[in-house]
Amino acid sequence: MQTAADSKREAAQRGEQAKAERKQGKVKRDAEKLVEIMRQYPAGETKNVLKTIAGFNGARIDAALHLLVERGKVVETMVKKSKKRNGVLGYRLA
């Protein structure tokens, strides 16, 4: 027989698991949106530009890029910008 404390703990665990699954789904959807945007920039683009176009905040762009890099769909690259001689760090589709 379960105690009330055990029931509350299990309910809390189920709630946390559901929350984690929703967050994971959101990151996956964000990553898919980011891939669609990145198709417009075959040479790559900076994280800040991608973030602005996608309408993401810093945490969302970081999570989506991390997932895409981890899966090998995106790689880091140097992006040419007019005032930067060597370019700046950016991302492009692999």
PDB file of N, CA and C in Angstrom:
ATOM      1  N   MET A   1       0.842  -1.183   0.000  1.00  0.00           N
ATOM      2  CA  MET A   1       0.000   0.000   0.000  1.00  0.00           C
ATOM      3  C   MET A   1       0.883   1.240   0.000  1.00  0.00           C
ATOM      4  N   GLN A   2       0.555   2.192  -0.858  1.00  0.00           N
ATOM      5  CA  GLN A   2       1.338   3.417  -0.972  1.00  0.00           C
ATOM      6  C   GLN A   2       0.899   4.439   0.056  1.00  0.00           C
ATOM      7  N   THR A   3       1.877   5.167   0.526  1.00  0.00           N
ATOM      8  CA  THR A   3       1.552   6.271   1.425  1.00  0.00           C
ATOM      9  C   THR A   3       1.256   7.506   0.587  1.00  0.00           C
ATOM     10  N   ALA A   4       0.715   8.507   1.232  1.00  0.00           N
ATOM     11  CA  ALA A   4       0.426   9.762   0.533  1.00  0.00           C
ATOM     12  C   ALA A   4       1.706  10.388   0.010  1.00  0.00           C
ATOM     13  N   ALA A   5       2.791  10.284   0.770  1.00  0.00           N
ATOM     14  CA  ALA A   5       4.081  10.845   0.350  1.00  0.00           C
ATOM     15  C   ALA A   5       4.593  10.132  -0.899  1.00  0.00           C
ATOM     16  N   ASP A   6       4.437   8.815  -0.956  1.00  0.00           N
ATOM     17  CA  ASP A   6       4.861   8.055  -2.132  1.00  0.00           C
ATOM     18  C   ASP A   6       4.059   8.469  -3.365  1.00  0.00           C
ATOM     19  N   SER A   7       2.761   8.641  -3.186  1.00  0.00           N
ATOM     20  CA  SER A   7       1.906   9.051  -4.301  1.00  0.00           C
ATOM     21  C   SER A   7       2.297  10.430  -4.819  1.00  0.00           C
ATOM     22  N   LYS A   8       2.585  11.355  -3.891  1.00  0.00           N
ATOM     23  CA  LYS A   8       2.995  12.704  -4.295  1.00  0.00           C
ATOM     24  C   LYS A   8       4.329  12.671  -5.039  1.00  0.00           C
ATOM     25  N   ARG A   9       5.246  11.861  -4.546  1.00  0.00           N
ATOM     26  CA  ARG A   9       6.563  11.748  -5.180  1.00  0.00           C
ATOM     27  C   ARG A   9       6.430  11.189  -6.595  1.00  0.00           C
ATOM     28  N   GLU A  10       5.608  10.158  -6.757  1.00  0.00           N
ATOM     29  CA  GLU A  10       5.397   9.580  -8.086  1.00  0.00           C
ATOM     30  C   GLU A  10       4.730  10.575  -9.028  1.00  0.00           C
ATOM     31  N   ALA A  11       3.775  11.309  -8.524  1.00  0.00           N
ATOM     32  CA  ALA A  11       3.101  12.318  -9.344  1.00  0.00           C
ATOM     33  C   ALA A  11       4.085  13.401  -9.768  1.00  0.00           C
ATOM     34  N   ALA A  12       4.949  13.805  -8.852  1.00  0.00           N
ATOM     35  CA  ALA A  12       5.957  14.817  -9.166  1.00  0.00           C
ATOM     36  C   ALA A  12       6.924  14.291 -10.227  1.00  0.00           C
ATOM     37  N   GLN A  13       7.322  13.023 -10.103  1.00  0.00           N
ATOM     38  CA  GLN A  13       8.229  12.425 -11.091  1.00  0.00           C
ATOM     39  C   GLN A  13       7.575  12.355 -12.470  1.00  0.00           C
ATOM     40  N   ARG A  14       6.301  11.967 -12.507  1.00  0.00           N
ATOM     41  CA  ARG A  14       5.593  11.921 -13.787  1.00  0.00           C
ATOM     42  C   ARG A  14       5.488  13.315 -14.388  1.00  0.00           C
ATOM     43  N   GLY A  15       5.247  14.306 -13.550  1.00  0.00           N
ATOM     44  CA  GLY A  15       5.164  15.687 -14.023  1.00  0.00           C
ATOM     45  C   GLY A  15       6.486  16.172 -14.589  1.00  0.00           C
ATOM     46  N   GLU A  16       7.577  15.858 -13.910  1.00  0.00           N
ATOM     47  CA  GLU A  16       8.903  16.241 -14.392  1.00  0.00           C
ATOM     48  C   GLU A  16       9.233  15.550 -15.706  1.00  0.00           C
ATOM     49  N   GLN A  17       8.872  14.279 -15.817  1.00  0.00           N
ATOM     50  CA  GLN A  17       9.132  13.541 -17.050  1.00  0.00           C
ATOM     51  C   GLN A  17       8.335  14.137 -18.208  1.00  0.00           C
ATOM     52  N   ALA A  18       7.091  14.469 -17.959  1.00  0.00           N
ATOM     53  CA  ALA A  18       6.264  15.076 -19.012  1.00  0.00           C
ATOM     54  C   ALA A  18       6.834  16.428 -19.423  1.00  0.00           C
ATOM     55  N   LYS A  19       7.301  17.194 -18.458  1.00  0.00           N
ATOM     56  CA  LYS A  19       7.894  18.503 -18.740  1.00  0.00           C
ATOM     57  C   LYS A  19       9.148  18.342 -19.594  1.00  0.00           C
ATOM     58  N   ALA A  20       9.987  17.368 -19.262  1.00  0.00           N
ATOM     59  CA  ALA A  20      11.208  17.123 -20.027  1.00  0.00           C
ATOM     60  C   ALA A  20      10.886  16.701 -21.461  1.00  0.00           C
ATOM     61  N   GLU A  21       9.855  15.886 -21.622  1.00  0.00           N
ATOM     62  CA  GLU A  21       9.454  15.443 -22.958  1.00  0.00           C
ATOM     63  C   GLU A  21       8.933  16.613 -23.795  1.00  0.00           C
ATOM     64  N   ARG A  22       8.169  17.521 -23.171  1.00  0.00           N
ATOM     65  CA  ARG A  22       7.678  18.702 -23.890  1.00  0.00           C
ATOM     66  C   ARG A  22       8.845  19.590 -24.311  1.00  0.00           C
ATOM     67  N   LYS A  23       9.811  19.766 -23.409  1.00  0.00           N
ATOM     68  CA  LYS A  23      10.973  20.598 -23.721  1.00  0.00           C
ATOM     69  C   LYS A  23      11.770  19.983 -24.863  1.00  0.00           C
ATOM     70  N   GLN A  24      11.974  18.679 -24.831  1.00  0.00           N
ATOM     71  CA  GLN A  24      12.707  17.990 -25.886  1.00  0.00           C
ATOM     72  C   GLN A  24      11.992  18.140 -27.229  1.00  0.00           C
ATOM     73  N   GLY A  25      10.673  18.048 -27.210  1.00  0.00           N
ATOM     74  CA  GLY A  25       9.899  18.230 -28.435  1.00  0.00           C
ATOM     75  C   GLY A  25      10.039  19.640 -28.982  1.00  0.00           C
ATOM     76  N   LYS A  26      10.070  20.625 -28.085  1.00  0.00           N
ATOM     77  CA  LYS A  26      10.223  22.016 -28.510  1.00  0.00           C
ATOM     78  C   LYS A  26      11.597  22.241 -29.132  1.00  0.00           C
ATOM     79  N   VAL A  27      12.630  21.677 -28.534  1.00  0.00           N
ATOM     80  CA  VAL A  27      13.980  21.819 -29.088  1.00  0.00           C
ATOM     81  C   VAL A  27      14.042  21.181 -30.475  1.00  0.00           C
ATOM     82  N   LYS A  28      13.411  20.044 -30.627  1.00  0.00           N
ATOM     83  CA  LYS A  28      13.395  19.356 -31.922  1.00  0.00           C
ATOM     84  C   LYS A  28      12.687  20.200 -32.979  1.00  0.00           C
ATOM     85  N   ARG A  29      11.548  20.793 -32.626  1.00  0.00           N
ATOM     86  CA  ARG A  29      10.828  21.664 -33.569  1.00  0.00           C
ATOM     87  C   ARG A  29      11.651  22.907 -33.899  1.00  0.00           C
ATOM     88  N   ASP A  30      12.309  23.467 -32.893  1.00  0.00           N
ATOM     89  CA  ASP A  30      13.174  24.627 -33.127  1.00  0.00           C
ATOM     90  C   ASP A  30      14.309  24.267 -34.084  1.00  0.00           C
ATOM     91  N   ALA A  31      14.890  23.092 -33.901  1.00  0.00           N
ATOM     92  CA  ALA A  31      15.984  22.650 -34.765  1.00  0.00           C
ATOM     93  C   ALA A  31      15.501  22.489 -36.204  1.00  0.00           C
ATOM     94  N   GLU A  32      14.307  21.948 -36.389  1.00  0.00           N
ATOM     95  CA  GLU A  32      13.753  21.789 -37.737  1.00  0.00           C
ATOM     96  C   GLU A  32      13.533  23.150 -38.395  1.00  0.00           C
ATOM     97  N   LYS A  33      13.027  24.098 -37.632  1.00  0.00           N
ATOM     98  CA  LYS A  33      12.823  25.452 -38.159  1.00  0.00           C
ATOM     99  C   LYS A  33      14.160  26.081 -38.533  1.00  0.00           C
ATOM    100  N   LEU A  34      15.156  25.864 -37.703  1.00  0.00           N
ATOM    101  CA  LEU A  34      16.481  26.423 -37.955  1.00  0.00           C
ATOM    102  C   LEU A  34      17.103  25.838 -39.227  1.00  0.00           C
ATOM    103  N   VAL A  35      16.909  24.564 -39.474  1.00  0.00           N
ATOM    104  CA  VAL A  35      17.423  23.940 -40.701  1.00  0.00           C
ATOM    105  C   VAL A  35      16.778  24.598 -41.918  1.00  0.00           C
ATOM    106  N   GLU A  36      15.482  24.844 -41.857  1.00  0.00           N
ATOM    107  CA  GLU A  36      14.796  25.502 -42.982  1.00  0.00           C
ATOM    108  C   GLU A  36      15.375  26.895 -43.227  1.00  0.00           C
ATOM    109  N   ILE A  37      15.640  27.630 -42.179  1.00  0.00           N
ATOM    110  CA  ILE A  37      16.228  28.965 -42.313  1.00  0.00           C
ATOM    111  C   ILE A  37      17.638  28.872 -42.873  1.00  0.00           C
ATOM    112  N   MET A  38      18.420  27.921 -42.383  1.00  0.00           N
ATOM    113  CA  MET A  38      19.822  27.801 -42.791  1.00  0.00           C
ATOM    114  C   MET A  38      19.963  27.401 -44.258  1.00  0.00           C
ATOM    115  N   ARG A  39      18.942  26.819 -44.833  1.00  0.00           N
ATOM    116  CA  ARG A  39      18.991  26.473 -46.261  1.00  0.00           C
ATOM    117  C   ARG A  39      19.130  27.730 -47.123  1.00  0.00           C
ATOM    118  N   GLN A  40      18.716  28.868 -46.597  1.00  0.00           N
ATOM    119  CA  GLN A  40      18.834  30.133 -47.325  1.00  0.00           C
ATOM    120  C   GLN A  40      20.250  30.700 -47.265  1.00  0.00           C
ATOM    121  N   TYR A  41      21.100  30.121 -46.418  1.00  0.00           N
ATOM    122  CA  TYR A  41      22.461  30.620 -46.218  1.00  0.00           C
ATOM    123  C   TYR A  41      23.469  29.470 -46.370  1.00  0.00           C
ATOM    124  N   PRO A  42      23.696  29.013 -47.598  1.00  0.00           N
ATOM    125  CA  PRO A  42      24.570  27.851 -47.796  1.00  0.00           C
ATOM    126  C   PRO A  42      26.007  28.082 -47.321  1.00  0.00           C
ATOM    127  N   ALA A  43      26.471  29.314 -47.317  1.00  0.00           N
ATOM    128  CA  ALA A  43      27.828  29.604 -46.852  1.00  0.00           C
ATOM    129  C   ALA A  43      27.881  29.736 -45.334  1.00  0.00           C
ATOM    130  N   GLY A  44      26.725  29.747 -44.690  1.00  0.00           N
ATOM    131  CA  GLY A  44      26.661  29.855 -43.245  1.00  0.00           C
ATOM    132  C   GLY A  44      26.249  31.242 -42.806  1.00  0.00           C
ATOM    133  N   GLU A  45      25.912  31.338 -41.536  1.00  0.00           N
ATOM    134  CA  GLU A  45      25.533  32.621 -40.956  1.00  0.00           C
ATOM    135  C   GLU A  45      25.836  32.576 -39.465  1.00  0.00           C
ATOM    136  N   THR A  46      25.940  33.760 -38.861  1.00  0.00           N
ATOM    137  CA  THR A  46      26.251  33.829 -37.438  1.00  0.00           C
ATOM    138  C   THR A  46      25.059  33.401 -36.596  1.00  0.00           C
ATOM    139  N   LYS A  47      25.363  32.999 -35.391  1.00  0.00           N
ATOM    140  CA  LYS A  47      24.309  32.591 -34.461  1.00  0.00           C
ATOM    141  C   LYS A  47      23.353  33.748 -34.201  1.00  0.00           C
ATOM    142  N   ASN A  48      23.875  34.946 -34.081  1.00  0.00           N
ATOM    143  CA  ASN A  48      23.027  36.093 -33.783  1.00  0.00           C
ATOM    144  C   ASN A  48      22.032  36.364 -34.914  1.00  0.00           C
ATOM    145  N   VAL A  49      22.497  36.280 -36.146  1.00  0.00           N
ATOM    146  CA  VAL A  49      21.601  36.488 -37.291  1.00  0.00           C
ATOM    147  C   VAL A  49      20.548  35.386 -37.329  1.00  0.00           C
ATOM    148  N   LEU A  50      20.962  34.144 -37.153  1.00  0.00           N
ATOM    149  CA  LEU A  50      20.009  33.031 -37.155  1.00  0.00           C
ATOM    150  C   LEU A  50      18.982  33.190 -36.042  1.00  0.00           C
ATOM    151  N   LYS A  51      19.442  33.615 -34.878  1.00  0.00           N
ATOM    152  CA  LYS A  51      18.556  33.819 -33.730  1.00  0.00           C
ATOM    153  C   LYS A  51      17.504  34.881 -34.045  1.00  0.00           C
ATOM    154  N   THR A  52      17.936  35.966 -34.660  1.00  0.00           N
ATOM    155  CA  THR A  52      17.022  37.059 -34.992  1.00  0.00           C
ATOM    156  C   THR A  52      15.988  36.622 -36.027  1.00  0.00           C
ATOM    157  N   ILE A  53      16.439  35.957 -37.077  1.00  0.00           N
ATOM    158  CA  ILE A  53      15.527  35.509 -38.131  1.00  0.00           C
ATOM    159  C   ILE A  53      14.509  34.507 -37.582  1.00  0.00           C
ATOM    160  N   ALA A  54      14.990  33.580 -36.752  1.00  0.00           N
ATOM    161  CA  ALA A  54      14.109  32.547 -36.210  1.00  0.00           C
ATOM    162  C   ALA A  54      13.185  33.082 -35.121  1.00  0.00           C
ATOM    163  N   GLY A  55      13.557  34.197 -34.512  1.00  0.00           N
ATOM    164  CA  GLY A  55      12.757  34.729 -33.416  1.00  0.00           C
ATOM    165  C   GLY A  55      12.977  33.986 -32.118  1.00  0.00           C
ATOM    166  N   PHE A  56      14.159  33.388 -31.966  1.00  0.00           N
ATOM    167  CA  PHE A  56      14.493  32.626 -30.760  1.00  0.00           C
ATOM    168  C   PHE A  56      15.203  33.511 -29.753  1.00  0.00           C
ATOM    169  N   ASN A  57      15.143  33.113 -28.483  1.00  0.00           N
ATOM    170  CA  ASN A  57      15.991  33.748 -27.487  1.00  0.00           C
ATOM    171  C   ASN A  57      17.313  32.975 -27.436  1.00  0.00           C
ATOM    172  N   GLY A  58      18.235  33.418 -26.609  1.00  0.00           N
ATOM    173  CA  GLY A  58      19.552  32.793 -26.551  1.00  0.00           C
ATOM    174  C   GLY A  58      19.521  31.321 -26.190  1.00  0.00           C
ATOM    175  N   ALA A  59      18.695  30.968 -25.223  1.00  0.00           N
ATOM    176  CA  ALA A  59      18.623  29.570 -24.787  1.00  0.00           C
ATOM    177  C   ALA A  59      18.068  28.670 -25.887  1.00  0.00           C
ATOM    178  N   ARG A  60      17.069  29.152 -26.609  1.00  0.00           N
ATOM    179  CA  ARG A  60      16.464  28.338 -27.668  1.00  0.00           C
ATOM    180  C   ARG A  60      17.421  28.121 -28.829  1.00  0.00           C
ATOM    181  N   ILE A  61      18.155  29.175 -29.246  1.00  0.00           N
ATOM    182  CA  ILE A  61      19.092  28.997 -30.358  1.00  0.00           C
ATOM    183  C   ILE A  61      20.236  28.082 -29.947  1.00  0.00           C
ATOM    184  N   ASP A  62      20.706  28.238 -28.706  1.00  0.00           N
ATOM    185  CA  ASP A  62      21.788  27.384 -28.221  1.00  0.00           C
ATOM    186  C   ASP A  62      21.372  25.917 -28.197  1.00  0.00           C
ATOM    187  N   ALA A  63      20.175  25.645 -27.696  1.00  0.00           N
ATOM    188  CA  ALA A  63      19.695  24.265 -27.618  1.00  0.00           C
ATOM    189  C   ALA A  63      19.511  23.663 -29.009  1.00  0.00           C
ATOM    190  N   ALA A  64      18.934  24.434 -29.923  1.00  0.00           N
ATOM    191  CA  ALA A  64      18.702  23.921 -31.280  1.00  0.00           C
ATOM    192  C   ALA A  64      20.028  23.674 -32.003  1.00  0.00           C
ATOM    193  N   LEU A  65      20.958  24.624 -31.899  1.00  0.00           N
ATOM    194  CA  LEU A  65      22.258  24.436 -32.555  1.00  0.00           C
ATOM    195  C   LEU A  65      23.015  23.265 -31.948  1.00  0.00           C
ATOM    196  N   HIS A  66      22.958  23.129 -30.641  1.00  0.00           N
ATOM    197  CA  HIS A  66      23.636  22.005 -29.979  1.00  0.00           C
ATOM    198  C   HIS A  66      23.104  20.672 -30.502  1.00  0.00           C
ATOM    199  N   LEU A  67      21.789  20.567 -30.607  1.00  0.00           N
ATOM    200  CA  LEU A  67      21.189  19.333 -31.117  1.00  0.00           C
ATOM    201  C   LEU A  67      21.631  19.059 -32.554  1.00  0.00           C
ATOM    202  N   LEU A  68      21.624  20.089 -33.389  1.00  0.00           N
ATOM    203  CA  LEU A  68      21.992  19.910 -34.800  1.00  0.00           C
ATOM    204  C   LEU A  68      23.468  19.578 -34.967  1.00  0.00           C
ATOM    205  N   VAL A  69      24.330  20.206 -34.184  1.00  0.00           N
ATOM    206  CA  VAL A  69      25.762  19.894 -34.254  1.00  0.00           C
ATOM    207  C   VAL A  69      26.000  18.472 -33.755  1.00  0.00           C
ATOM    208  N   GLU A  70      25.338  18.119 -32.658  1.00  0.00           N
ATOM    209  CA  GLU A  70      25.478  16.779 -32.082  1.00  0.00           C
ATOM    210  C   GLU A  70      25.069  15.698 -33.082  1.00  0.00           C
ATOM    211  N   ARG A  71      24.046  15.980 -33.880  1.00  0.00           N
ATOM    212  CA  ARG A  71      23.550  15.011 -34.869  1.00  0.00           C
ATOM    213  C   ARG A  71      24.292  15.082 -36.201  1.00  0.00           C
ATOM    214  N   GLY A  72      25.229  16.016 -36.302  1.00  0.00           N
ATOM    215  CA  GLY A  72      26.028  16.126 -37.518  1.00  0.00           C
ATOM    216  C   GLY A  72      25.334  16.832 -38.666  1.00  0.00           C
ATOM    217  N   LYS A  73      24.243  17.525 -38.400  1.00  0.00           N
ATOM    218  CA  LYS A  73      23.506  18.215 -39.458  1.00  0.00           C
ATOM    219  C   LYS A  73      24.040  19.624 -39.702  1.00  0.00           C
ATOM    220  N   VAL A  74      24.745  20.180 -38.716  1.00  0.00           N
ATOM    221  CA  VAL A  74      25.277  21.539 -38.792  1.00  0.00           C
ATOM    222  C   VAL A  74      26.723  21.511 -38.323  1.00  0.00           C
ATOM    223  N   VAL A  75      27.557  22.338 -38.957  1.00  0.00           N
ATOM    224  CA  VAL A  75      28.963  22.459 -38.547  1.00  0.00           C
ATOM    225  C   VAL A  75      29.297  23.933 -38.345  1.00  0.00           C
ATOM    226  N   GLU A  76      30.304  24.157 -37.513  1.00  0.00           N
ATOM    227  CA  GLU A  76      30.796  25.523 -37.324  1.00  0.00           C
ATOM    228  C   GLU A  76      31.595  25.936 -38.547  1.00  0.00           C
ATOM    229  N   THR A  77      31.572  27.219 -38.855  1.00  0.00           N
ATOM    230  CA  THR A  77      32.314  27.746 -39.993  1.00  0.00           C
ATOM    231  C   THR A  77      32.638  29.209 -39.719  1.00  0.00           C
ATOM    232  N   MET A  78      33.522  29.765 -40.501  1.00  0.00           N
ATOM    233  CA  MET A  78      33.813  31.187 -40.410  1.00  0.00           C
ATOM    234  C   MET A  78      32.973  31.898 -41.467  1.00  0.00           C
ATOM    235  N   VAL A  79      32.252  32.902 -41.039  1.00  0.00           N
ATOM    236  CA  VAL A  79      31.354  33.650 -41.914  1.00  0.00           C
ATOM    237  C   VAL A  79      31.976  35.009 -42.189  1.00  0.00           C
ATOM    238  N   LYS A  80      32.090  35.350 -43.451  1.00  0.00           N
ATOM    239  CA  LYS A  80      32.659  36.642 -43.832  1.00  0.00           C
ATOM    240  C   LYS A  80      31.688  37.766 -43.498  1.00  0.00           C
ATOM    241  N   LYS A  81      32.195  38.741 -42.778  1.00  0.00           N
ATOM    242  CA  LYS A  81      31.453  39.955 -42.470  1.00  0.00           C
ATOM    243  C   LYS A  81      32.319  41.129 -42.902  1.00  0.00           C
ATOM    244  N   SER A  82      31.722  42.198 -43.361  1.00  0.00           N
ATOM    245  CA  SER A  82      32.445  43.292 -44.003  1.00  0.00           C
ATOM    246  C   SER A  82      33.561  43.882 -43.143  1.00  0.00           C
ATOM    247  N   LYS A  83      33.386  43.990 -41.852  1.00  0.00           N
ATOM    248  CA  LYS A  83      34.387  44.640 -41.008  1.00  0.00           C
ATOM    249  C   LYS A  83      35.357  43.664 -40.361  1.00  0.00           C
ATOM    250  N   LYS A  84      35.157  42.393 -40.542  1.00  0.00           N
ATOM    251  CA  LYS A  84      36.009  41.386 -39.909  1.00  0.00           C
ATOM    252  C   LYS A  84      36.890  40.725 -40.962  1.00  0.00           C
ATOM    253  N   ARG A  85      38.190  40.927 -40.843  1.00  0.00           N
ATOM    254  CA  ARG A  85      39.140  40.413 -41.828  1.00  0.00           C
ATOM    255  C   ARG A  85      39.068  38.891 -41.976  1.00  0.00           C
ATOM    256  N   ASN A  86      39.030  38.179 -40.858  1.00  0.00           N
ATOM    257  CA  ASN A  86      39.039  36.718 -40.905  1.00  0.00           C
ATOM    258  C   ASN A  86      37.656  36.098 -40.789  1.00  0.00           C
ATOM    259  N   GLY A  87      36.649  36.921 -40.701  1.00  0.00           N
ATOM    260  CA  GLY A  87      35.293  36.413 -40.544  1.00  0.00           C
ATOM    261  C   GLY A  87      34.968  36.195 -39.066  1.00  0.00           C
ATOM    262  N   VAL A  88      33.757  35.759 -38.822  1.00  0.00           N
ATOM    263  CA  VAL A  88      33.306  35.479 -37.457  1.00  0.00           C
ATOM    264  C   VAL A  88      32.709  34.085 -37.413  1.00  0.00           C
ATOM    265  N   LEU A  89      32.677  33.537 -36.218  1.00  0.00           N
ATOM    266  CA  LEU A  89      32.150  32.178 -36.038  1.00  0.00           C
ATOM    267  C   LEU A  89      30.675  32.133 -36.418  1.00  0.00           C
ATOM    268  N   GLY A  90      30.325  31.127 -37.189  1.00  0.00           N
ATOM    269  CA  GLY A  90      28.947  30.932 -37.602  1.00  0.00           C
ATOM    270  C   GLY A  90      28.671  29.457 -37.780  1.00  0.00           C
ATOM    271  N   TYR A  91      27.546  29.159 -38.376  1.00  0.00           N
ATOM    272  CA  TYR A  91      27.114  27.775 -38.587  1.00  0.00           C
ATOM    273  C   TYR A  91      26.553  27.637 -39.999  1.00  0.00           C
ATOM    274  N   ARG A  92      26.763  26.426 -40.565  1.00  0.00           N
ATOM    275  CA  ARG A  92      26.190  26.111 -41.868  1.00  0.00           C
ATOM    276  C   ARG A  92      25.748  24.650 -41.852  1.00  0.00           C
ATOM    277  N   LEU A  93      24.887  24.311 -42.800  1.00  0.00           N
ATOM    278  CA  LEU A  93      24.444  22.933 -42.901  1.00  0.00           C
ATOM    279  C   LEU A  93      25.608  22.049 -43.337  1.00  0.00           C
ATOM    280  N   ALA A  94      25.658  20.864 -42.802  1.00  0.00           N
ATOM    281  CA  ALA A  94      26.742  19.937 -43.123  1.00  0.00           C
ATOM    282  C   ALA A  94      26.516  19.325 -44.499  1.00  0.00           C
TER     283      ALA A  94
END
